[in-house]
N, C-alpha and C. Protein backbone atom coordinates (compact mmCIF):
# COMPACT_ATOMS: atom_id res chain seq x y z
N MET A 1 0.85 -1.11 0.00
CA MET A 1 0.11 -0.02 0.11
C MET A 1 1.03 1.23 0.09
N ASN A 2 0.57 2.13 -0.93
CA ASN A 2 0.83 3.17 -1.10
C ASN A 2 1.45 4.55 -0.10
N THR A 3 2.01 5.36 0.36
CA THR A 3 1.74 6.46 1.38
C THR A 3 0.25 7.30 1.20
N GLU A 4 0.72 7.33 -0.14
CA GLU A 4 -1.15 8.10 -0.85
C GLU A 4 -2.29 7.18 -0.22
N SER A 5 -2.01 5.99 -0.68
CA SER A 5 -3.58 5.33 0.12
C SER A 5 -3.31 5.36 1.17
N LYS A 6 -2.62 5.14 1.57
CA LYS A 6 -2.71 5.56 3.57
C LYS A 6 -3.05 6.65 4.08
N VAL A 7 -2.52 7.61 3.25
CA VAL A 7 -3.62 8.75 3.71
C VAL A 7 -4.76 9.24 3.04
N LEU A 8 -5.14 9.04 2.87
CA LEU A 8 -6.80 8.56 2.37
C LEU A 8 -7.93 7.73 3.56
N ILE A 9 -7.02 7.10 3.74
CA ILE A 9 -7.67 5.92 4.11
C ILE A 9 -7.82 6.49 5.77
N ALA A 10 -6.74 7.13 6.33
CA ALA A 10 -6.96 7.74 7.89
C ALA A 10 -7.74 8.99 7.45
N ILE A 11 -7.87 9.47 6.43
CA ILE A 11 -8.96 10.79 6.35
C ILE A 11 -10.05 9.86 6.52
N ALA A 12 -10.44 8.76 5.66
CA ALA A 12 -11.61 8.26 5.94
C ALA A 12 -12.31 7.88 7.32
N ALA A 13 -11.05 7.22 7.87
CA ALA A 13 -11.72 6.79 9.10
C ALA A 13 -11.78 7.98 10.16
N VAL A 14 -11.14 9.33 9.61
CA VAL A 14 -11.40 10.47 10.60
C VAL A 14 -12.81 10.80 10.41
N ILE A 15 -13.51 10.86 9.03
CA ILE A 15 -14.33 11.32 8.93
C ILE A 15 -15.58 10.72 9.30
N THR A 16 -15.40 9.13 9.48
CA THR A 16 -16.57 8.33 10.14
C THR A 16 -16.77 8.45 11.23
N VAL A 17 -15.64 8.58 12.15
CA VAL A 17 -15.36 9.00 13.16
C VAL A 17 -15.82 10.56 13.63
N ALA A 18 -16.07 10.97 13.33
CA ALA A 18 -16.62 12.18 13.48
C ALA A 18 -17.84 12.44 13.05
N ALA A 19 -18.37 12.16 11.98
CA ALA A 19 -20.06 11.21 11.48
C ALA A 19 -20.59 10.93 12.62
N SER A 20 -20.20 9.93 13.35
CA SER A 20 -20.53 8.89 14.65
C SER A 20 -20.53 9.97 15.66
N VAL A 21 -19.63 10.96 15.69
CA VAL A 21 -19.73 11.82 17.15
C VAL A 21 -20.57 12.88 17.07
N LEU A 22 -21.11 13.13 15.87
CA LEU A 22 -21.96 14.42 15.35
C LEU A 22 -23.33 13.36 15.83
N LEU A 23 -23.89 12.28 15.40
CA LEU A 23 -24.58 11.51 15.41
C LEU A 23 -24.79 11.59 17.08
N VAL A 24 -24.01 10.83 17.94
CA VAL A 24 -24.30 11.05 18.73
C VAL A 24 -24.78 12.40 19.67
N MET A 25 -23.67 13.09 18.88
CA MET A 25 -24.62 14.39 20.45
C MET A 25 -26.00 15.21 19.71
N ALA A 26 -26.22 14.84 18.57
CA ALA A 26 -27.81 15.36 18.45
C ALA A 26 -28.73 14.54 19.17
N GLY A 27 -28.87 12.80 18.69
CA GLY A 27 -29.50 12.18 19.80
C GLY A 27 -29.59 12.59 21.49
N GLY A 28 -28.08 12.97 21.76
CA GLY A 28 -28.38 13.64 23.47
C GLY A 28 -28.69 15.11 23.27
N LYS A 29 -28.42 15.72 22.03
CA LYS A 29 -29.35 17.02 22.34
C LYS A 29 -30.82 16.72 22.18
N ASP A 30 -31.55 15.30 21.99
CA ASP A 30 -32.70 15.74 21.71
C ASP A 30 -33.84 14.85 23.42
N ASP A 31 -32.58 14.16 23.61
CA ASP A 31 -32.85 13.53 25.09
C ASP A 31 -32.62 14.79 25.86
N ALA A 32 -32.06 15.79 25.59
CA ALA A 32 -31.96 16.83 27.08
C ALA A 32 -32.63 17.98 26.54
N LYS A 33 -33.94 17.90 26.07
CA LYS A 33 -34.96 19.10 26.07
C LYS A 33 -34.88 19.59 26.97
N PRO A 34 -35.25 20.91 27.06
CA PRO A 34 -34.96 21.65 28.17
C PRO A 34 -36.29 21.95 29.02
N VAL A 35 -36.14 21.72 30.07
CA VAL A 35 -37.04 21.65 30.86
C VAL A 35 -37.93 22.58 31.70
N ALA A 36 -39.23 23.11 31.12
CA ALA A 36 -40.15 24.42 31.12
C ALA A 36 -40.14 24.52 32.65
N ASP A 37 -40.41 25.93 32.73
CA ASP A 37 -40.49 26.49 34.19
C ASP A 37 -41.63 26.10 34.79
N PRO A 38 -41.76 25.19 36.28
CA PRO A 38 -43.03 24.69 36.25
C PRO A 38 -44.20 25.17 36.94
N GLY A 39 -43.29 26.34 37.32
CA GLY A 39 -44.56 27.95 37.93
C GLY A 39 -45.00 28.67 36.57
N LYS A 40 -44.69 28.05 35.64
CA LYS A 40 -45.18 29.47 34.39
C LYS A 40 -46.41 27.54 33.59
N LEU A 41 -45.83 26.23 33.51
CA LEU A 41 -46.70 25.59 33.17
C LEU A 41 -48.24 25.42 33.38
N VAL A 42 -48.28 25.41 34.94
CA VAL A 42 -49.11 24.86 35.60
C VAL A 42 -49.01 25.93 37.13
N ARG A 43 -50.08 26.53 36.92
CA ARG A 43 -50.86 27.90 38.10
C ARG A 43 -52.26 26.75 38.90
N SER A 44 -52.28 26.99 40.18
CA SER A 44 -52.92 26.60 40.96
C SER A 44 -54.62 26.99 40.31
N ASP A 45 -54.58 28.46 39.38
CA ASP A 45 -55.85 27.98 38.90
C ASP A 45 -56.03 27.58 37.59
N SER A 46 -55.19 26.76 37.04
CA SER A 46 -54.91 26.32 35.87
C SER A 46 -56.47 25.40 35.76
N ILE A 47 -56.58 25.07 34.86
CA ILE A 47 -57.44 23.79 34.31
C ILE A 47 -57.02 22.61 34.04
N GLN A 48 -57.25 21.34 35.04
CA GLN A 48 -56.43 20.46 35.07
C GLN A 48 -57.68 19.25 35.21
N SER A 49 -57.09 18.16 34.65
CA SER A 49 -58.04 17.22 34.62
C SER A 49 -57.88 15.89 36.15
N ASN A 50 -56.94 16.17 36.41
CA ASN A 50 -56.44 15.14 37.61
C ASN A 50 -54.97 15.88 38.26
N PRO A 51 -54.58 16.87 39.25
CA PRO A 51 -53.78 17.43 39.77
C PRO A 51 -52.35 16.50 40.23
N LYS A 52 -53.32 15.11 41.20
CA LYS A 52 -52.47 14.18 41.55
C LYS A 52 -51.34 13.44 41.07
N ALA A 53 -51.63 13.01 39.47
CA ALA A 53 -51.32 12.45 38.75
C ALA A 53 -49.55 13.05 38.59
N LYS A 54 -48.61 11.79 38.19
CA LYS A 54 -47.70 11.95 38.26
C LYS A 54 -47.14 12.27 36.62
N VAL A 55 -47.83 12.32 36.25
CA VAL A 55 -47.69 12.81 34.50
C VAL A 55 -48.40 13.65 34.25
N THR A 56 -47.91 14.73 33.82
CA THR A 56 -48.61 15.94 33.25
C THR A 56 -48.98 16.53 31.83
N LEU A 57 -49.11 16.48 31.28
CA LEU A 57 -49.39 17.33 29.66
C LEU A 57 -50.49 18.45 29.58
N VAL A 58 -49.19 19.83 29.56
CA VAL A 58 -50.05 21.09 29.21
C VAL A 58 -49.78 21.10 27.57
N GLU A 59 -50.95 21.48 26.78
CA GLU A 59 -51.68 22.29 26.07
C GLU A 59 -51.99 23.42 26.16
N PHE A 60 -51.34 24.16 25.35
CA PHE A 60 -51.57 25.97 25.21
C PHE A 60 -52.46 26.41 23.70
N GLY A 61 -53.28 26.12 23.83
CA GLY A 61 -54.64 26.07 22.58
C GLY A 61 -55.24 27.28 22.80
N ASP A 62 -55.90 27.61 21.57
CA ASP A 62 -57.11 28.23 21.02
C ASP A 62 -58.04 27.35 20.31
N LEU A 63 -58.86 28.06 21.20
CA LEU A 63 -60.63 27.03 21.08
C LEU A 63 -61.00 27.15 19.31
N GLN A 64 -60.83 28.09 18.66
CA GLN A 64 -60.87 28.65 17.77
C GLN A 64 -60.09 28.02 16.48
N CYS A 65 -58.96 27.28 16.77
CA CYS A 65 -57.66 27.07 16.59
C CYS A 65 -58.44 26.04 15.66
N SER A 66 -57.92 26.01 14.18
CA SER A 66 -58.24 24.42 13.04
C SER A 66 -57.49 23.43 13.46
N ALA A 67 -55.92 23.75 13.94
CA ALA A 67 -54.92 22.70 14.15
C ALA A 67 -55.33 22.09 16.21
N CYS A 68 -55.95 23.28 16.00
CA CYS A 68 -56.20 22.35 17.57
C CYS A 68 -57.24 21.12 17.65
N ALA A 69 -58.54 21.60 16.47
CA ALA A 69 -59.58 20.95 16.54
C ALA A 69 -58.97 19.64 16.06
N ALA A 70 -57.99 19.48 14.94
CA ALA A 70 -57.48 18.76 14.40
C ALA A 70 -56.50 17.56 15.79
N ALA A 71 -56.02 18.12 16.75
CA ALA A 71 -55.09 17.32 17.13
C ALA A 71 -55.97 17.12 18.42
N ASN A 72 -57.00 17.08 18.68
CA ASN A 72 -57.98 17.13 19.96
C ASN A 72 -58.33 15.83 19.80
N PRO A 73 -58.91 15.04 18.35
CA PRO A 73 -59.41 13.81 18.98
C PRO A 73 -57.50 12.80 19.06
N THR A 74 -56.49 12.90 19.07
CA THR A 74 -55.02 12.56 19.82
C THR A 74 -55.89 12.77 21.51
N VAL A 75 -55.16 14.07 21.29
CA VAL A 75 -55.52 14.43 23.05
C VAL A 75 -56.42 13.67 23.72
N GLN A 76 -58.15 13.03 22.72
CA GLN A 76 -59.48 12.72 23.31
C GLN A 76 -58.85 10.97 23.72
N GLN A 77 -57.83 10.45 22.79
CA GLN A 77 -56.96 8.63 22.77
C GLN A 77 -56.30 9.13 23.96
N VAL A 78 -55.47 9.88 23.91
CA VAL A 78 -54.54 10.09 25.36
C VAL A 78 -55.31 9.75 26.82
N LYS A 79 -56.51 10.75 26.61
CA LYS A 79 -56.83 10.53 28.10
C LYS A 79 -57.56 9.58 28.71
N LYS A 80 -58.59 9.20 27.73
CA LYS A 80 -59.02 7.61 26.72
C LYS A 80 -57.96 6.73 27.60
N ARG A 81 -56.92 6.36 26.95
CA ARG A 81 -56.22 5.44 27.22
C ARG A 81 -55.05 5.45 28.99
N TYR A 82 -54.95 6.83 29.21
CA TYR A 82 -54.36 6.82 30.07
C TYR A 82 -55.06 7.25 31.87
N GLY A 83 -55.95 8.21 31.78
CA GLY A 83 -56.79 8.39 32.40
C GLY A 83 -56.76 9.00 33.35
N ALA A 84 -56.34 8.51 35.21
CA ALA A 84 -56.41 9.38 35.86
C ALA A 84 -54.78 9.34 36.82
N LYS A 85 -53.67 8.56 35.08
CA LYS A 85 -52.24 8.02 35.60
C LYS A 85 -52.15 10.06 34.57
N ILE A 86 -53.14 10.22 34.02
CA ILE A 86 -51.76 11.70 33.28
C ILE A 86 -52.95 12.80 34.13
N ASN A 87 -52.26 13.74 34.69
CA ASN A 87 -52.59 14.55 34.35
C ASN A 87 -52.79 15.86 33.21
N PHE A 88 -54.46 16.49 32.32
CA PHE A 88 -54.35 17.15 31.78
C PHE A 88 -54.66 18.84 31.31
N VAL A 89 -53.70 19.12 31.34
CA VAL A 89 -53.70 20.78 31.77
C VAL A 89 -53.97 22.00 30.34
N TRP A 90 -55.30 22.63 30.19
CA TRP A 90 -55.36 23.69 29.27
C TRP A 90 -54.87 24.62 29.73
N ARG A 91 -54.04 25.03 29.18
CA ARG A 91 -53.69 27.07 29.32
C ARG A 91 -54.21 28.21 28.13
N HIS A 92 -54.78 29.36 27.86
CA HIS A 92 -55.92 29.31 26.97
C HIS A 92 -54.40 30.41 26.70
N PHE A 93 -54.46 30.26 25.27
CA PHE A 93 -53.71 30.97 24.05
C PHE A 93 -54.39 31.72 23.05
N PRO A 94 -55.17 32.58 23.41
CA PRO A 94 -56.19 32.88 22.11
C PRO A 94 -55.53 33.09 21.19
N LEU A 95 -55.10 33.09 19.70
CA LEU A 95 -54.52 33.91 18.54
C LEU A 95 -55.30 35.44 18.50
N ASN A 96 -54.80 36.48 18.20
CA ASN A 96 -55.09 37.63 17.41
C ASN A 96 -56.05 37.47 16.61
N ILE A 97 -55.75 36.35 15.36
CA ILE A 97 -55.97 36.12 13.92
C ILE A 97 -57.51 35.69 14.39
N HIS A 98 -58.43 35.31 15.31
CA HIS A 98 -58.96 34.47 15.30
C HIS A 98 -60.23 35.60 16.08
N ARG A 99 -61.18 35.29 15.19
CA ARG A 99 -62.20 36.78 15.80
C ARG A 99 -63.14 36.14 16.85
N ASN A 100 -63.19 34.79 17.38
CA ASN A 100 -64.16 35.00 18.91
C ASN A 100 -63.24 33.88 19.43
N ALA A 101 -61.83 34.19 19.29
CA ALA A 101 -60.84 33.03 20.40
C ALA A 101 -60.76 33.70 21.68
N LEU A 102 -60.88 35.30 22.04
CA LEU A 102 -61.16 35.51 23.68
C LEU A 102 -62.42 35.61 23.64
N THR A 103 -63.28 35.29 23.03
CA THR A 103 -64.73 35.22 23.66
C THR A 103 -65.02 33.69 23.76
N SER A 104 -64.54 32.58 23.23
CA SER A 104 -64.87 31.46 23.11
C SER A 104 -64.03 30.94 24.73
N ALA A 105 -62.47 31.92 24.94
CA ALA A 105 -61.95 31.47 25.78
C ALA A 105 -63.13 31.38 27.50
N ASN A 106 -63.38 32.56 27.40
CA ASN A 106 -64.23 33.44 28.44
C ASN A 106 -65.42 32.56 29.10
N ALA A 107 -66.13 32.08 27.49
CA ALA A 107 -67.54 31.21 27.60
C ALA A 107 -67.37 29.82 27.94
N SER A 108 -65.51 29.18 27.83
CA SER A 108 -65.60 28.01 28.46
C SER A 108 -64.96 28.28 29.98
N GLU A 109 -64.52 29.01 30.47
CA GLU A 109 -64.00 29.50 31.62
C GLU A 109 -65.18 29.38 31.94
N ALA A 110 -66.41 29.86 32.08
CA ALA A 110 -67.83 29.79 32.66
C ALA A 110 -68.32 28.51 32.82
N ALA A 111 -68.11 27.24 31.57
CA ALA A 111 -68.21 26.33 32.00
C ALA A 111 -67.38 25.59 33.14
N ASN A 112 -65.66 26.14 32.48
CA ASN A 112 -65.37 25.30 33.92
C ASN A 112 -65.05 25.63 35.52
N ALA A 113 -65.96 26.52 35.65
CA ALA A 113 -66.26 27.51 36.90
C ALA A 113 -67.53 26.16 37.49
N GLN A 114 -68.20 25.66 36.61
CA GLN A 114 -69.17 24.62 36.71
C GLN A 114 -68.92 22.77 36.70
N ASP A 115 -67.27 22.84 36.68
CA ASP A 115 -67.12 21.49 35.89
C ASP A 115 -67.50 21.38 34.97
N LYS A 116 -67.02 22.02 33.74
CA LYS A 116 -67.69 20.93 32.58
C LYS A 116 -66.74 21.73 31.36
N PHE A 117 -65.43 21.98 31.85
CA PHE A 117 -64.93 22.21 30.84
C PHE A 117 -64.12 21.49 29.69
N PHE A 118 -64.28 20.67 29.74
CA PHE A 118 -63.12 19.51 28.54
C PHE A 118 -64.72 19.61 27.73
N ALA A 119 -65.77 18.79 28.37
CA ALA A 119 -66.91 18.92 27.49
C ALA A 119 -66.80 19.89 26.54
N PHE A 120 -67.20 20.47 27.21
CA PHE A 120 -67.78 22.12 26.54
C PHE A 120 -66.13 22.18 25.50
N ALA A 121 -64.77 22.11 26.01
CA ALA A 121 -63.85 22.70 25.15
C ALA A 121 -64.45 21.50 23.98
N ASP A 122 -64.65 20.41 24.65
CA ASP A 122 -64.78 19.42 23.09
C ASP A 122 -65.87 19.66 22.06
N LYS A 123 -66.97 20.00 22.18
CA LYS A 123 -68.16 21.05 21.64
C LYS A 123 -67.38 21.78 21.02
N LEU A 124 -66.67 22.92 21.68
CA LEU A 124 -66.50 23.60 20.57
C LEU A 124 -65.63 24.13 19.53
N MET A 125 -64.46 22.63 20.11
CA MET A 125 -63.67 22.13 19.04
C MET A 125 -64.41 21.60 17.82
N ALA A 126 -65.23 21.10 18.12
CA ALA A 126 -65.59 19.74 17.35
C ALA A 126 -67.29 20.77 15.87
N THR A 127 -67.29 22.39 16.68
CA THR A 127 -68.71 23.04 15.56
C THR A 127 -67.70 24.60 15.32
N GLN A 128 -66.50 24.71 15.30
CA GLN A 128 -65.82 25.55 15.23
C GLN A 128 -66.40 26.47 13.77
N SER A 129 -66.62 25.45 12.64
CA SER A 129 -67.36 26.07 11.82
C SER A 129 -68.40 27.30 11.60
N ALA A 130 -69.31 26.60 13.01
CA ALA A 130 -70.56 26.98 13.04
C ALA A 130 -70.56 28.42 13.83
N TRP A 131 -69.46 28.85 14.32
CA TRP A 131 -69.35 29.82 15.78
C TRP A 131 -68.24 30.77 15.38
N GLY A 132 -66.90 30.16 15.02
CA GLY A 132 -65.53 30.62 14.58
C GLY A 132 -65.67 32.11 14.04
N GLU A 133 -66.86 32.71 12.72
CA GLU A 133 -66.45 33.86 12.72
C GLU A 133 -67.88 34.48 12.38
N ALA A 134 -69.13 34.18 13.51
CA ALA A 134 -70.03 34.46 13.98
C ALA A 134 -69.98 36.11 14.47
N GLY A 135 -70.71 37.20 14.92
CA GLY A 135 -70.73 37.70 15.39
C GLY A 135 -71.02 37.60 16.89
N THR A 136 -70.40 38.95 17.73
CA THR A 136 -70.43 37.93 19.42
C THR A 136 -72.36 37.53 19.76
N PRO A 137 -72.81 38.52 19.37
CA PRO A 137 -74.24 38.08 19.47
C PRO A 137 -74.69 36.45 19.42
N ALA A 138 -74.67 36.06 18.52
CA ALA A 138 -75.13 34.83 17.99
C ALA A 138 -73.67 33.89 17.99
N ALA A 139 -72.47 34.07 18.56
CA ALA A 139 -71.88 33.11 18.77
C ALA A 139 -71.72 32.95 20.26
N ILE A 140 -72.67 34.10 21.20
CA ILE A 140 -73.15 34.03 22.61
C ILE A 140 -74.45 32.93 22.30
N GLN A 141 -75.30 32.93 21.25
CA GLN A 141 -76.31 32.21 21.36
C GLN A 141 -76.12 30.96 21.40
N LEU A 142 -74.75 30.15 20.27
CA LEU A 142 -74.75 29.09 20.18
C LEU A 142 -73.85 28.60 21.52
N PHE A 143 -72.95 29.52 22.16
CA PHE A 143 -71.81 29.65 23.36
C PHE A 143 -73.65 28.70 23.91
N VAL A 144 -74.15 29.24 24.36
CA VAL A 144 -75.95 28.86 25.37
C VAL A 144 -76.15 27.67 24.90
N SER A 145 -76.34 27.71 23.54
CA SER A 145 -77.14 26.36 23.33
C SER A 145 -75.75 25.02 23.35
N TYR A 146 -74.51 24.91 23.28
CA TYR A 146 -74.07 24.05 23.43
C TYR A 146 -73.74 23.65 25.25
N GLY A 147 -73.28 25.34 25.51
CA GLY A 147 -73.69 24.71 27.25
C GLY A 147 -74.71 24.16 27.87
N GLY A 148 -76.18 24.72 27.09
CA GLY A 148 -77.45 23.36 27.78
C GLY A 148 -77.10 22.15 27.80
N SER A 149 -76.73 22.16 26.55
CA SER A 149 -76.91 20.54 26.17
C SER A 149 -75.68 20.10 27.14
N LEU A 150 -75.14 20.33 28.00
CA LEU A 150 -74.03 20.04 28.75
C LEU A 150 -74.14 20.31 30.18
N GLY A 151 -75.21 21.13 30.61
CA GLY A 151 -75.53 21.28 32.14
C GLY A 151 -75.17 22.54 32.46
N VAL A 152 -74.61 23.70 31.60
CA VAL A 152 -74.13 24.22 31.67
C VAL A 152 -74.83 25.88 32.00
N SER A 153 -74.92 26.92 33.17
CA SER A 153 -75.95 27.79 32.96
C SER A 153 -75.50 29.35 31.60
N GLY A 154 -76.91 29.33 31.00
CA GLY A 154 -76.76 29.92 29.60
C GLY A 154 -76.45 31.24 30.86
N PRO A 155 -76.91 31.81 31.35
CA PRO A 155 -76.56 33.57 31.74
C PRO A 155 -75.25 33.26 32.48
N ALA A 156 -74.74 32.51 32.84
CA ALA A 156 -72.59 32.34 33.41
C ALA A 156 -71.69 32.76 32.05
N ILE A 157 -72.32 32.27 30.77
CA ILE A 157 -72.09 32.09 29.30
C ILE A 157 -72.36 33.42 29.03
N GLU A 158 -73.19 33.82 29.14
CA GLU A 158 -73.86 35.36 28.21
C GLU A 158 -72.98 36.43 29.32
N LYS A 159 -72.09 35.98 30.61
CA LYS A 159 -71.99 37.10 31.21
C LYS A 159 -70.94 37.09 31.26
N ALA A 160 -70.03 36.25 30.98
CA ALA A 160 -68.60 35.15 31.12
C ALA A 160 -68.44 36.34 29.46
N VAL A 161 -69.06 35.98 28.68
CA VAL A 161 -68.54 36.96 27.19
C VAL A 161 -68.60 38.36 27.53
N LYS A 162 -69.88 38.54 27.45
CA LYS A 162 -70.09 39.99 27.91
C LYS A 162 -69.13 40.82 28.49
N GLU A 163 -68.91 40.54 29.67
CA GLU A 163 -67.96 41.60 30.69
C GLU A 163 -66.42 40.69 30.57
N GLN A 164 -66.05 40.17 29.55
CA GLN A 164 -64.81 39.46 29.77
C GLN A 164 -64.32 39.16 30.78
N GLN A 165 -65.59 38.52 31.58
CA GLN A 165 -65.32 37.95 32.96
C GLN A 165 -63.61 37.64 33.36
N TYR A 166 -63.48 36.40 32.14
CA TYR A 166 -61.94 35.82 32.75
C TYR A 166 -60.92 36.75 32.39
N LYS A 167 -60.92 37.35 31.45
CA LYS A 167 -60.17 38.22 30.62
C LYS A 167 -58.18 38.43 31.38
N ALA A 168 -58.16 38.56 32.98
CA ALA A 168 -57.17 38.46 33.33
C ALA A 168 -56.49 36.97 33.68
N LYS A 169 -57.47 36.22 33.29
CA LYS A 169 -57.01 34.74 33.93
C LYS A 169 -56.33 34.13 32.12
N ILE A 170 -56.79 34.90 31.32
CA ILE A 170 -56.40 34.27 30.15
C ILE A 170 -55.64 34.91 29.67
N SER A 171 -55.40 36.37 30.02
CA SER A 171 -54.15 37.11 30.10
C SER A 171 -53.19 36.34 30.40
N LYS A 172 -53.29 36.08 31.83
CA LYS A 172 -52.27 35.62 32.29
C LYS A 172 -51.75 34.09 31.60
N ASP A 173 -52.51 33.28 31.17
CA ASP A 173 -51.79 32.23 30.35
C ASP A 173 -51.25 32.52 29.19
N TYR A 174 -52.01 33.66 28.61
CA TYR A 174 -50.78 33.66 27.33
C TYR A 174 -49.72 34.22 27.35
N ALA A 175 -49.20 35.32 28.38
CA ALA A 175 -48.32 35.81 29.23
C ALA A 175 -46.99 34.28 29.48
N ASP A 176 -47.14 33.25 30.32
CA ASP A 176 -46.84 32.41 30.38
C ASP A 176 -46.94 31.89 29.19
N GLY A 177 -47.48 31.12 28.23
CA GLY A 177 -46.86 30.80 27.21
C GLY A 177 -46.02 31.64 26.41
N GLU A 178 -46.05 33.21 26.20
CA GLU A 178 -45.09 33.59 25.37
C GLU A 178 -43.56 33.64 26.57
N ALA A 179 -44.05 33.53 27.61
CA ALA A 179 -42.30 33.62 28.64
C ALA A 179 -41.80 32.13 27.69
N LEU A 180 -42.40 31.07 27.81
CA LEU A 180 -42.42 29.61 27.48
C LEU A 180 -41.78 29.43 26.28
N GLY A 181 -42.02 30.37 25.55
CA GLY A 181 -41.60 30.37 23.97
C GLY A 181 -42.30 29.61 22.81
N VAL A 182 -43.68 29.81 23.88
CA VAL A 182 -45.12 29.81 22.86
C VAL A 182 -45.80 30.06 22.01
N ASN A 183 -45.47 30.15 20.18
CA ASN A 183 -45.63 31.16 19.16
C ASN A 183 -46.81 30.91 18.63
N SER A 184 -47.58 29.26 18.95
CA SER A 184 -48.60 28.58 18.02
C SER A 184 -49.17 27.94 18.91
N THR A 185 -50.07 27.91 17.89
CA THR A 185 -51.21 26.40 18.88
C THR A 185 -51.58 25.47 18.17
N PRO A 186 -51.62 23.89 18.53
CA PRO A 186 -51.39 23.83 19.46
C PRO A 186 -50.16 23.74 19.75
N THR A 187 -49.59 23.79 21.27
CA THR A 187 -48.03 23.31 22.00
C THR A 187 -48.25 22.91 22.81
N PHE A 188 -47.29 21.30 23.52
CA PHE A 188 -47.80 20.73 24.06
C PHE A 188 -46.52 20.30 25.04
N PHE A 189 -46.76 20.39 25.90
CA PHE A 189 -45.31 20.19 27.52
C PHE A 189 -45.76 19.18 27.93
N LEU A 190 -44.79 17.95 28.06
CA LEU A 190 -44.96 16.60 28.22
C LEU A 190 -43.70 16.47 29.59
N ASN A 191 -44.38 16.54 30.97
CA ASN A 191 -43.46 16.20 31.91
C ASN A 191 -42.86 17.75 31.93
N GLY A 192 -43.61 18.89 31.19
CA GLY A 192 -42.10 20.39 31.16
C GLY A 192 -41.38 20.69 30.45
N LYS A 193 -41.41 19.06 29.15
CA LYS A 193 -40.57 19.36 27.48
C LYS A 193 -41.54 19.06 26.67
N LYS A 194 -41.26 20.42 25.69
CA LYS A 194 -42.26 20.07 24.66
C LYS A 194 -41.93 19.13 23.56
N VAL A 195 -43.57 18.67 23.02
CA VAL A 195 -43.62 17.58 22.29
C VAL A 195 -44.79 17.95 21.27
N GLU A 196 -44.39 17.37 20.20
CA GLU A 196 -45.46 16.88 19.34
C GLU A 196 -46.29 16.31 18.77
N THR A 197 -47.34 16.78 18.34
CA THR A 197 -48.83 16.19 18.53
C THR A 197 -48.51 14.88 18.17
N THR A 198 -47.94 14.58 17.12
CA THR A 198 -47.27 13.70 16.00
C THR A 198 -46.52 12.68 17.67
N GLU A 199 -46.37 13.11 18.48
CA GLU A 199 -45.04 11.98 19.10
C GLU A 199 -46.29 11.78 20.56
N LEU A 200 -47.56 12.25 20.47
CA LEU A 200 -48.23 12.05 21.87
C LEU A 200 -48.82 11.08 22.83
N LEU A 201 -48.94 10.41 21.71
CA LEU A 201 -49.41 8.61 22.73
C LEU A 201 -48.33 8.22 22.99
N LYS A 202 -47.67 8.03 22.09
CA LYS A 202 -45.92 7.72 22.47
C LYS A 202 -45.25 7.63 23.25
N ALA A 203 -45.19 9.27 23.22
CA ALA A 203 -44.38 9.84 24.22
C ALA A 203 -45.40 9.84 25.98
N VAL A 204 -46.36 9.62 25.96
CA VAL A 204 -47.41 9.35 26.94
C VAL A 204 -47.44 8.31 27.39
N GLY A 205 -47.51 7.37 26.34
CA GLY A 205 -46.61 6.12 27.39
C GLY A 205 -46.07 5.56 28.00
N ALA A 206 -44.52 6.33 27.14
CA ALA A 206 -43.07 6.26 28.28
C ALA A 206 -43.21 7.18 29.14
N ALA A 207 -43.95 7.56 28.92
CA ALA A 207 -43.63 8.79 30.78
C ALA A 207 -44.46 8.02 31.55
N VAL A 208 -45.11 7.50 31.19
CA VAL A 208 -46.47 6.83 32.21
C VAL A 208 -45.57 5.35 32.39
N SER A 209 -44.93 4.58 31.79
CA SER A 209 -44.81 3.24 31.65
C SER A 209 -42.86 3.65 32.73
N GLN A 210 -42.63 4.65 33.22
CA GLN A 210 -41.51 4.61 33.81
C GLN A 210 -42.01 5.49 35.46
N LYS A 211 -43.21 5.44 35.50
CA LYS A 211 -43.76 6.63 37.01
C LYS A 211 -44.09 5.16 37.81
């Protein structure tokens, strides 16, 4: 083997080792995703399904967001499959591009005050096309109708929307989201680490199995 061949082989070996190191480092970075500030992920007044669970899944969402509606069946699968083993937390992140995002958030808080948030939110996401671009009076009528089918007080919904009764809480949710780098909906955090919608079932399953 001549000198030139030996040099080429040595260079190839160095390149192979370097590539392996980069792959390991990339994998390590994925495993070591930053953990979000728990105080900004969940607050004492946050909407939660089971605060005592050891696995916490937080969604920053907008009830008028079509992507949130598309992700909701997966969220429901997670909740059905793992039940009390997880704490599902909803944080409001109403986008200003959506006409009734803030309106629906206030209405949902009225439902939450009567322990009906999740059922009401599911209903709103399933009916976005009916109320999404409606004027406020028409949207209120629809919200009252949906609430009525779930046992939620109509006057409470009207009051919440007309007076923006929960604006402060919703604004706090939004501010927490921004502080955590949320810039679109839905954004999910599993035990403090950001996770994609497509990974939810697998990631939650892994988290539950480790507890």
